Amino acid sequence: PGGLSGTGVLPLKLLHFSAQITGGDEVLLQWQTAAEDKLAAFEVELARSSGEVQQNNFEKIGEVAPKGGPGEQHYTFSDKEALKTGTRYYRLKIKNEDGTFTYSPVRTVSFNTVALWQVFPNPSAGVFNLVYQAEAGSIVQLQVTDVAGRIITHYTLTANGNIQKEGINL
């Protein structure tokens, strides 16, 4: 059992599951359960774009141990990854002791911040970092020129929609 269809048998009753931005880049996930029975773990999973959701490409970003018991239990998990942008999709993988699992409903949060393009450190002994953000799949062309306008090096990068950092070694 288990899977996206929700047809697996839950080793508990999931009463509540939410995700909310709590300030800056932090996302607080909260959930409440009842009647936990033979529960092994809650795995917190994340997809960073709608494309990843469509491909069922969720990444495990944490795990929370169950408290167990027949009564209501309350849980929290904080996603503290820096530089979040766009819409993020969270779900719980609820694992039973026998290895079966099922998924919670997906919860979303949206960050409307756009990264400012940055080059640092400046000055440098020859190694720079470019921090950029562009629409997923778009091509970013980067040229480094000298003071006379001659091209020293050229980079072609593919954006993924998130904030990215590229090392440039001159």
C-alpha atoms as a PDB file:
ATOM      1  CA  PRO A   1       0.000   0.000   0.000  1.00  0.00           C
ATOM      2  CA  GLY A   2       0.894   3.621  -0.211  1.00  0.00           C
ATOM      3  CA  GLY A   3       1.292   6.005  -3.079  1.00  0.00           C
ATOM      4  CA  LEU A   4      -0.166   9.153  -4.502  1.00  0.00           C
ATOM      5  CA  SER A   5      -3.683   7.792  -4.860  1.00  0.00           C
ATOM      6  CA  GLY A   6      -4.212   7.881  -1.116  1.00  0.00           C
ATOM      7  CA  THR A   7      -5.561   4.340  -1.177  1.00  0.00           C
ATOM      8  CA  GLY A   8      -3.041   3.020   1.330  1.00  0.00           C
ATOM      9  CA  VAL A   9      -4.110   2.434   4.907  1.00  0.00           C
ATOM     10  CA  LEU A  10      -2.800   5.097   7.233  1.00  0.00           C
ATOM     11  CA  PRO A  11      -1.187   3.905  10.472  1.00  0.00           C
ATOM     12  CA  LEU A  12      -2.882   6.917  12.091  1.00  0.00           C
ATOM     13  CA  LYS A  13      -5.579   9.499  11.608  1.00  0.00           C
ATOM     14  CA  LEU A  14      -4.146  12.737  10.161  1.00  0.00           C
ATOM     15  CA  LEU A  15      -6.307  15.512  11.610  1.00  0.00           C
ATOM     16  CA  HIS A  16      -4.446  18.550  10.273  1.00  0.00           C
ATOM     17  CA  PHE A  17      -1.459  19.397   8.052  1.00  0.00           C
ATOM     18  CA  SER A  18      -0.364  22.934   7.125  1.00  0.00           C
ATOM     19  CA  ALA A  19       2.616  24.866   5.773  1.00  0.00           C
ATOM     20  CA  GLN A  20       3.169  28.582   6.306  1.00  0.00           C
ATOM     21  CA  ILE A  21       5.902  31.149   5.874  1.00  0.00           C
ATOM     22  CA  THR A  22       6.883  32.383   9.320  1.00  0.00           C
ATOM     23  CA  GLY A  23       9.205  35.201   8.321  1.00  0.00           C
ATOM     24  CA  GLY A  24      12.182  35.495   6.050  1.00  0.00           C
ATOM     25  CA  ASP A  25      12.904  32.192   4.344  1.00  0.00           C
ATOM     26  CA  GLU A  26      11.539  29.841   7.014  1.00  0.00           C
ATOM     27  CA  VAL A  27       8.542  27.586   6.379  1.00  0.00           C
ATOM     28  CA  LEU A  28       6.815  26.006   9.366  1.00  0.00           C
ATOM     29  CA  LEU A  29       5.028  22.704   8.815  1.00  0.00           C
ATOM     30  CA  GLN A  30       2.529  21.647  11.464  1.00  0.00           C
ATOM     31  CA  TRP A  31       0.421  18.526  11.702  1.00  0.00           C
ATOM     32  CA  GLN A  32      -1.810  16.807  14.188  1.00  0.00           C
ATOM     33  CA  THR A  33      -2.615  13.110  14.439  1.00  0.00           C
ATOM     34  CA  ALA A  34      -4.741  10.711  16.433  1.00  0.00           C
ATOM     35  CA  ALA A  35      -4.742   6.954  16.927  1.00  0.00           C
ATOM     36  CA  GLU A  36      -1.129   6.360  15.925  1.00  0.00           C
ATOM     37  CA  ASP A  37      -0.577   2.615  15.594  1.00  0.00           C
ATOM     38  CA  LYS A  38       2.641   0.922  14.455  1.00  0.00           C
ATOM     39  CA  LEU A  39       3.920   4.142  12.942  1.00  0.00           C
ATOM     40  CA  ALA A  40       7.648   4.215  12.053  1.00  0.00           C
ATOM     41  CA  ALA A  41       8.301   7.810  10.931  1.00  0.00           C
ATOM     42  CA  PHE A  42       7.136  10.986   9.239  1.00  0.00           C
ATOM     43  CA  GLU A  43       9.399  11.919   6.338  1.00  0.00           C
ATOM     44  CA  VAL A  44       9.064  15.550   5.251  1.00  0.00           C
ATOM     45  CA  GLU A  45       9.311  15.860   1.466  1.00  0.00           C
ATOM     46  CA  LEU A  46       9.683  18.895  -0.790  1.00  0.00           C
ATOM     47  CA  ALA A  47       9.233  19.688  -4.475  1.00  0.00           C
ATOM     48  CA  ARG A  48      10.633  23.067  -5.547  1.00  0.00           C
ATOM     49  CA  SER A  49       8.495  23.561  -8.670  1.00  0.00           C
ATOM     50  CA  SER A  50       5.237  22.465 -10.280  1.00  0.00           C
ATOM     51  CA  GLY A  51       7.300  20.481 -12.791  1.00  0.00           C
ATOM     52  CA  GLU A  52       8.839  18.473  -9.952  1.00  0.00           C
ATOM     53  CA  VAL A  53       5.346  17.815  -8.560  1.00  0.00           C
ATOM     54  CA  GLN A  54       4.107  16.637 -11.957  1.00  0.00           C
ATOM     55  CA  GLN A  55       7.063  14.257 -12.183  1.00  0.00           C
ATOM     56  CA  ASN A  56       6.501  13.149  -8.560  1.00  0.00           C
ATOM     57  CA  ASN A  57      10.045  14.331  -7.853  1.00  0.00           C
ATOM     58  CA  PHE A  58       9.905  15.066  -4.124  1.00  0.00           C
ATOM     59  CA  GLU A  59      13.094  15.232  -2.038  1.00  0.00           C
ATOM     60  CA  LYS A  60      13.289  14.117   1.594  1.00  0.00           C
ATOM     61  CA  ILE A  61      14.369  17.142   3.662  1.00  0.00           C
ATOM     62  CA  GLY A  62      13.783  15.787   7.147  1.00  0.00           C
ATOM     63  CA  GLU A  63      12.326  13.127   9.377  1.00  0.00           C
ATOM     64  CA  VAL A  64      10.280  13.327  12.564  1.00  0.00           C
ATOM     65  CA  ALA A  65       9.869  10.437  15.003  1.00  0.00           C
ATOM     66  CA  PRO A  66       6.306   9.530  16.004  1.00  0.00           C
ATOM     67  CA  LYS A  67       5.149   9.999  19.574  1.00  0.00           C
ATOM     68  CA  GLY A  68       2.693   7.092  19.436  1.00  0.00           C
ATOM     69  CA  GLY A  69      -0.403   6.419  21.468  1.00  0.00           C
ATOM     70  CA  PRO A  70      -4.155   6.668  21.067  1.00  0.00           C
ATOM     71  CA  GLY A  71      -4.503  10.392  21.827  1.00  0.00           C
ATOM     72  CA  GLU A  72      -3.884  13.469  19.697  1.00  0.00           C
ATOM     73  CA  GLN A  73      -0.270  14.327  18.920  1.00  0.00           C
ATOM     74  CA  HIS A  74       1.120  17.610  17.595  1.00  0.00           C
ATOM     75  CA  TYR A  75       4.202  17.896  15.371  1.00  0.00           C
ATOM     76  CA  THR A  76       6.253  20.674  13.777  1.00  0.00           C
ATOM     77  CA  PHE A  77       9.122  20.848  11.300  1.00  0.00           C
ATOM     78  CA  SER A  78      10.924  23.967  10.030  1.00  0.00           C
ATOM     79  CA  ASP A  79      12.369  24.215   6.528  1.00  0.00           C
ATOM     80  CA  LYS A  80      15.218  26.668   7.049  1.00  0.00           C
ATOM     81  CA  GLU A  81      16.816  26.397   3.614  1.00  0.00           C
ATOM     82  CA  ALA A  82      18.025  29.857   2.582  1.00  0.00           C
ATOM     83  CA  LEU A  83      17.079  31.797  -0.557  1.00  0.00           C
ATOM     84  CA  LYS A  84      13.671  30.266  -1.215  1.00  0.00           C
ATOM     85  CA  THR A  85      11.796  31.510  -4.272  1.00  0.00           C
ATOM     86  CA  GLY A  86       8.664  30.652  -6.191  1.00  0.00           C
ATOM     87  CA  THR A  87       6.152  28.062  -5.059  1.00  0.00           C
ATOM     88  CA  ARG A  88       7.278  25.171  -2.859  1.00  0.00           C
ATOM     89  CA  TYR A  89       5.288  21.982  -2.355  1.00  0.00           C
ATOM     90  CA  TYR A  90       5.414  19.966   0.881  1.00  0.00           C
ATOM     91  CA  ARG A  91       4.029  16.574   1.839  1.00  0.00           C
ATOM     92  CA  LEU A  92       4.497  13.967   4.544  1.00  0.00           C
ATOM     93  CA  LYS A  93       5.465  10.406   3.760  1.00  0.00           C
ATOM     94  CA  ILE A  94       3.831   8.506   6.598  1.00  0.00           C
ATOM     95  CA  LYS A  95       5.709   5.250   7.120  1.00  0.00           C
ATOM     96  CA  ASN A  96       4.380   2.215   8.950  1.00  0.00           C
ATOM     97  CA  GLU A  97       6.601  -0.223  10.879  1.00  0.00           C
ATOM     98  CA  ASP A  98       6.004  -2.936   8.254  1.00  0.00           C
ATOM     99  CA  GLY A  99       7.481  -0.734   5.503  1.00  0.00           C
ATOM    100  CA  THR A 100       4.192   0.338   3.941  1.00  0.00           C
ATOM    101  CA  PHE A 101       3.534   4.057   3.577  1.00  0.00           C
ATOM    102  CA  THR A 102       1.140   6.672   2.317  1.00  0.00           C
ATOM    103  CA  TYR A 103       1.324  10.387   1.598  1.00  0.00           C
ATOM    104  CA  SER A 104      -0.424  13.331   3.158  1.00  0.00           C
ATOM    105  CA  PRO A 105      -2.093  15.933   0.955  1.00  0.00           C
ATOM    106  CA  VAL A 106       0.381  18.389  -0.616  1.00  0.00           C
ATOM    107  CA  ARG A 107       0.603  21.858   0.932  1.00  0.00           C
ATOM    108  CA  THR A 108       2.070  24.867  -0.881  1.00  0.00           C
ATOM    109  CA  VAL A 109       3.677  28.164   0.027  1.00  0.00           C
ATOM    110  CA  SER A 110       4.707  30.911  -2.396  1.00  0.00           C
ATOM    111  CA  PHE A 111       7.678  33.216  -2.185  1.00  0.00           C
ATOM    112  CA  ASN A 112       7.367  36.253  -4.416  1.00  0.00           C
ATOM    113  CA  THR A 113      10.908  37.458  -3.928  1.00  0.00           C
ATOM    114  CA  VAL A 114      13.158  37.638  -6.939  1.00  0.00           C
ATOM    115  CA  ALA A 115      16.887  37.362  -6.467  1.00  0.00           C
ATOM    116  CA  LEU A 116      19.042  40.315  -7.340  1.00  0.00           C
ATOM    117  CA  TRP A 117      21.900  39.266  -9.564  1.00  0.00           C
ATOM    118  CA  GLN A 118      25.180  39.572  -7.697  1.00  0.00           C
ATOM    119  CA  VAL A 119      28.877  39.078  -8.391  1.00  0.00           C
ATOM    120  CA  PHE A 120      31.142  38.681  -5.365  1.00  0.00           C
ATOM    121  CA  PRO A 121      33.707  39.098  -3.918  1.00  0.00           C
ATOM    122  CA  ASN A 122      34.844  42.283  -5.546  1.00  0.00           C
ATOM    123  CA  PRO A 123      37.757  42.799  -5.752  1.00  0.00           C
ATOM    124  CA  SER A 124      38.933  39.204  -6.113  1.00  0.00           C
ATOM    125  CA  ALA A 125      42.137  37.323  -6.821  1.00  0.00           C
ATOM    126  CA  GLY A 126      40.375  35.623  -9.745  1.00  0.00           C
ATOM    127  CA  VAL A 127      37.573  33.504  -8.341  1.00  0.00           C
ATOM    128  CA  PHE A 128      34.106  35.094  -8.399  1.00  0.00           C
ATOM    129  CA  ASN A 129      30.597  33.889  -7.650  1.00  0.00           C
ATOM    130  CA  LEU A 130      27.588  34.830  -9.759  1.00  0.00           C
ATOM    131  CA  VAL A 131      24.232  34.564  -7.995  1.00  0.00           C
ATOM    132  CA  TYR A 132      21.315  34.729 -10.420  1.00  0.00           C
ATOM    133  CA  GLN A 133      17.723  33.723 -10.974  1.00  0.00           C
ATOM    134  CA  ALA A 134      15.896  33.264 -14.260  1.00  0.00           C
ATOM    135  CA  GLU A 135      12.853  31.386 -15.495  1.00  0.00           C
ATOM    136  CA  ALA A 136      13.287  27.599 -15.483  1.00  0.00           C
ATOM    137  CA  GLY A 137      14.747  26.337 -18.756  1.00  0.00           C
ATOM    138  CA  SER A 138      15.928  29.743 -19.932  1.00  0.00           C
ATOM    139  CA  ILE A 139      19.499  30.155 -21.161  1.00  0.00           C
ATOM    140  CA  VAL A 140      21.727  32.665 -19.374  1.00  0.00           C
ATOM    141  CA  GLN A 141      24.668  33.954 -21.410  1.00  0.00           C
ATOM    142  CA  LEU A 142      27.574  35.371 -19.413  1.00  0.00           C
ATOM    143  CA  GLN A 143      30.585  37.137 -20.906  1.00  0.00           C
ATOM    144  CA  VAL A 144      33.556  38.423 -18.963  1.00  0.00           C
ATOM    145  CA  THR A 145      35.414  41.206 -20.751  1.00  0.00           C
ATOM    146  CA  ASP A 146      38.531  43.225 -20.020  1.00  0.00           C
ATOM    147  CA  VAL A 147      38.588  47.045 -19.899  1.00  0.00           C
ATOM    148  CA  ALA A 148      39.211  47.162 -23.670  1.00  0.00           C
ATOM    149  CA  GLY A 149      36.042  45.125 -24.306  1.00  0.00           C
ATOM    150  CA  ARG A 150      37.818  41.921 -25.315  1.00  0.00           C
ATOM    151  CA  ILE A 151      36.001  38.733 -24.232  1.00  0.00           C
ATOM    152  CA  ILE A 152      38.065  36.863 -21.642  1.00  0.00           C
ATOM    153  CA  THR A 153      35.642  33.989 -21.115  1.00  0.00           C
ATOM    154  CA  HIS A 154      32.076  33.026 -21.946  1.00  0.00           C
ATOM    155  CA  TYR A 155      29.571  30.865 -20.027  1.00  0.00           C
ATOM    156  CA  THR A 156      26.239  29.416 -21.118  1.00  0.00           C
ATOM    157  CA  LEU A 157      24.052  28.436 -18.156  1.00  0.00           C
ATOM    158  CA  THR A 158      20.596  26.882 -17.952  1.00  0.00           C
ATOM    159  CA  ALA A 159      18.357  28.382 -15.270  1.00  0.00           C
ATOM    160  CA  ASN A 160      16.162  26.209 -13.056  1.00  0.00           C
ATOM    161  CA  GLY A 161      13.818  28.935 -11.752  1.00  0.00           C
ATOM    162  CA  ASN A 162      15.457  29.016  -8.325  1.00  0.00           C
ATOM    163  CA  ILE A 163      18.334  31.143  -7.092  1.00  0.00           C
ATOM    164  CA  GLN A 164      21.546  29.628  -8.421  1.00  0.00           C
ATOM    165  CA  LYS A 165      25.243  30.267  -7.793  1.00  0.00           C
ATOM    166  CA  GLU A 166      27.948  29.737 -10.411  1.00  0.00           C
ATOM    167  CA  GLY A 167      31.667  29.861  -9.635  1.00  0.00           C
ATOM    168  CA  ILE A 168      33.776  31.781 -12.161  1.00  0.00           C
ATOM    169  CA  ASN A 169      37.528  31.172 -12.119  1.00  0.00           C
ATOM    170  CA  LEU A 170      39.528  33.688 -14.110  1.00  0.00           C
END
